[in-house]
Amino acid sequence: MKINQKPRAQRTSVSLPARMRGDWEWIGVEIRNISSSGIMAETSAPPTRGKYIEIRFGHHILIVVVVWRCGRVTIASEFVLRRKLTSPT
């Protein structure tokens, strides 16, 4: 770890199908890992850095900011909202 660098949050490897929406229609994503500070997801149309996106999986809704992107992989962090639905949508 570099000086003045925050330690990374512990990540849990997963393979969760999800849906993602930004300024476009809903598209499919695969969540690859999740931690207390964010997620890593893979999609054919990754959003740009700084973009707010909505991700839904199961009964969960996440509103996050994209902080990193490389090819098909997007790192979304800085959870803006975490909510659990009371009934499926």
C-alpha atoms as a PDB file:
ATOM      1  CA  MET A   1       0.000   0.000   0.000  1.00  0.00           C
ATOM      2  CA  LYS A   2       1.283   3.460  -0.899  1.00  0.00           C
ATOM      3  CA  ILE A   3       1.582   6.271   1.631  1.00  0.00           C
ATOM      4  CA  ASN A   4      -1.720   8.151   2.154  1.00  0.00           C
ATOM      5  CA  GLN A   5      -3.632   5.452   0.267  1.00  0.00           C
ATOM      6  CA  LYS A   6      -6.785   4.088   1.889  1.00  0.00           C
ATOM      7  CA  PRO A   7      -6.832   0.336   2.458  1.00  0.00           C
ATOM      8  CA  ARG A   8      -9.100  -1.496   0.020  1.00  0.00           C
ATOM      9  CA  ALA A   9     -12.403  -2.780   1.298  1.00  0.00           C
ATOM     10  CA  GLN A  10     -12.673  -6.562   1.396  1.00  0.00           C
ATOM     11  CA  ARG A  11     -14.248  -7.834  -1.811  1.00  0.00           C
ATOM     12  CA  THR A  12     -16.493 -10.815  -2.326  1.00  0.00           C
ATOM     13  CA  SER A  13     -16.299 -12.520  -5.720  1.00  0.00           C
ATOM     14  CA  VAL A  14     -19.745 -13.169  -7.183  1.00  0.00           C
ATOM     15  CA  SER A  15     -21.417 -13.836 -10.494  1.00  0.00           C
ATOM     16  CA  LEU A  16     -24.738 -12.016 -10.300  1.00  0.00           C
ATOM     17  CA  PRO A  17     -26.828 -11.124 -13.338  1.00  0.00           C
ATOM     18  CA  ALA A  18     -28.223  -7.621 -12.970  1.00  0.00           C
ATOM     19  CA  ARG A  19     -29.729  -4.738 -14.922  1.00  0.00           C
ATOM     20  CA  MET A  20     -28.139  -1.310 -15.337  1.00  0.00           C
ATOM     21  CA  ARG A  21     -29.540   2.040 -16.463  1.00  0.00           C
ATOM     22  CA  GLY A  22     -27.924   5.424 -17.030  1.00  0.00           C
ATOM     23  CA  ASP A  23     -29.138   7.712 -19.830  1.00  0.00           C
ATOM     24  CA  TRP A  24     -30.123   4.691 -21.888  1.00  0.00           C
ATOM     25  CA  GLU A  25     -32.499   1.774 -21.708  1.00  0.00           C
ATOM     26  CA  TRP A  26     -31.948  -1.047 -19.268  1.00  0.00           C
ATOM     27  CA  ILE A  27     -29.078  -3.335 -20.264  1.00  0.00           C
ATOM     28  CA  GLY A  28     -27.726  -6.545 -18.787  1.00  0.00           C
ATOM     29  CA  VAL A  29     -24.618  -6.584 -16.603  1.00  0.00           C
ATOM     30  CA  GLU A  30     -22.778  -9.232 -14.634  1.00  0.00           C
ATOM     31  CA  ILE A  31     -21.663  -8.165 -11.158  1.00  0.00           C
ATOM     32  CA  ARG A  32     -18.210  -9.727 -10.601  1.00  0.00           C
ATOM     33  CA  ASN A  33     -17.412  -8.539  -7.094  1.00  0.00           C
ATOM     34  CA  ILE A  34     -18.966  -6.446  -4.376  1.00  0.00           C
ATOM     35  CA  SER A  35     -17.651  -4.706  -1.266  1.00  0.00           C
ATOM     36  CA  SER A  36     -18.817  -2.163   1.279  1.00  0.00           C
ATOM     37  CA  SER A  37     -17.510   0.613  -0.966  1.00  0.00           C
ATOM     38  CA  GLY A  38     -18.636  -0.471  -4.424  1.00  0.00           C
ATOM     39  CA  ILE A  39     -18.984  -3.088  -7.119  1.00  0.00           C
ATOM     40  CA  MET A  40     -17.208  -4.311 -10.216  1.00  0.00           C
ATOM     41  CA  ALA A  41     -19.491  -5.165 -13.118  1.00  0.00           C
ATOM     42  CA  GLU A  42     -19.001  -6.326 -16.685  1.00  0.00           C
ATOM     43  CA  THR A  43     -21.168  -5.159 -19.583  1.00  0.00           C
ATOM     44  CA  SER A  44     -21.020  -4.750 -23.348  1.00  0.00           C
ATOM     45  CA  ALA A  45     -21.713  -1.007 -23.001  1.00  0.00           C
ATOM     46  CA  PRO A  46     -19.819   0.327 -19.966  1.00  0.00           C
ATOM     47  CA  PRO A  47     -20.731   3.874 -18.905  1.00  0.00           C
ATOM     48  CA  THR A  48     -18.172   6.668 -18.722  1.00  0.00           C
ATOM     49  CA  ARG A  49     -16.346   7.734 -15.581  1.00  0.00           C
ATOM     50  CA  GLY A  50     -18.329  10.137 -13.401  1.00  0.00           C
ATOM     51  CA  LYS A  51     -21.680   8.806 -14.637  1.00  0.00           C
ATOM     52  CA  TYR A  52     -24.435   8.036 -12.134  1.00  0.00           C
ATOM     53  CA  ILE A  53     -26.048   4.670 -12.844  1.00  0.00           C
ATOM     54  CA  GLU A  54     -28.788   2.543 -11.360  1.00  0.00           C
ATOM     55  CA  ILE A  55     -28.164  -1.168 -10.878  1.00  0.00           C
ATOM     56  CA  ARG A  56     -30.869  -3.640  -9.918  1.00  0.00           C
ATOM     57  CA  PHE A  57     -30.488  -7.265  -8.892  1.00  0.00           C
ATOM     58  CA  GLY A  58     -32.916  -9.385  -6.951  1.00  0.00           C
ATOM     59  CA  HIS A  59     -34.788  -7.043  -4.649  1.00  0.00           C
ATOM     60  CA  HIS A  60     -31.902  -4.555  -4.474  1.00  0.00           C
ATOM     61  CA  ILE A  61     -31.458  -1.138  -6.069  1.00  0.00           C
ATOM     62  CA  LEU A  62     -28.073   0.617  -6.106  1.00  0.00           C
ATOM     63  CA  ILE A  63     -27.393   4.145  -7.319  1.00  0.00           C
ATOM     64  CA  VAL A  64     -23.651   4.495  -7.834  1.00  0.00           C
ATOM     65  CA  VAL A  65     -21.028   6.667  -9.505  1.00  0.00           C
ATOM     66  CA  VAL A  66     -18.652   5.124 -12.044  1.00  0.00           C
ATOM     67  CA  VAL A  67     -15.090   5.707 -10.851  1.00  0.00           C
ATOM     68  CA  TRP A  68     -13.113   3.506 -13.235  1.00  0.00           C
ATOM     69  CA  ARG A  69     -13.601   1.728 -16.546  1.00  0.00           C
ATOM     70  CA  CYS A  70     -11.459  -0.553 -18.713  1.00  0.00           C
ATOM     71  CA  GLY A  71     -12.900  -2.374 -21.732  1.00  0.00           C
ATOM     72  CA  ARG A  72     -16.019  -4.242 -20.639  1.00  0.00           C
ATOM     73  CA  VAL A  73     -15.325  -3.750 -16.930  1.00  0.00           C
ATOM     74  CA  THR A  74     -16.698  -0.894 -14.854  1.00  0.00           C
ATOM     75  CA  ILE A  75     -15.914  -0.091 -11.245  1.00  0.00           C
ATOM     76  CA  ALA A  76     -18.779   1.727  -9.592  1.00  0.00           C
ATOM     77  CA  SER A  77     -18.206   3.144  -6.183  1.00  0.00           C
ATOM     78  CA  GLU A  78     -19.451   5.787  -3.826  1.00  0.00           C
ATOM     79  CA  PHE A  79     -22.869   4.311  -3.178  1.00  0.00           C
ATOM     80  CA  VAL A  80     -25.370   7.125  -3.402  1.00  0.00           C
ATOM     81  CA  LEU A  81     -28.371   5.000  -2.496  1.00  0.00           C
ATOM     82  CA  ARG A  82     -28.890   1.414  -1.395  1.00  0.00           C
ATOM     83  CA  ARG A  83     -32.448   0.217  -1.144  1.00  0.00           C
ATOM     84  CA  LYS A  84     -34.198  -3.113  -0.842  1.00  0.00           C
ATOM     85  CA  LEU A  85     -37.528  -3.449  -2.617  1.00  0.00           C
ATOM     86  CA  THR A  86     -40.427  -4.824  -0.625  1.00  0.00           C
ATOM     87  CA  SER A  87     -41.848  -6.495  -3.735  1.00  0.00           C
ATOM     88  CA  PRO A  88     -40.287  -7.484  -7.062  1.00  0.00           C
ATOM     89  CA  THR A  89     -40.493  -5.065 -10.018  1.00  0.00           C
END
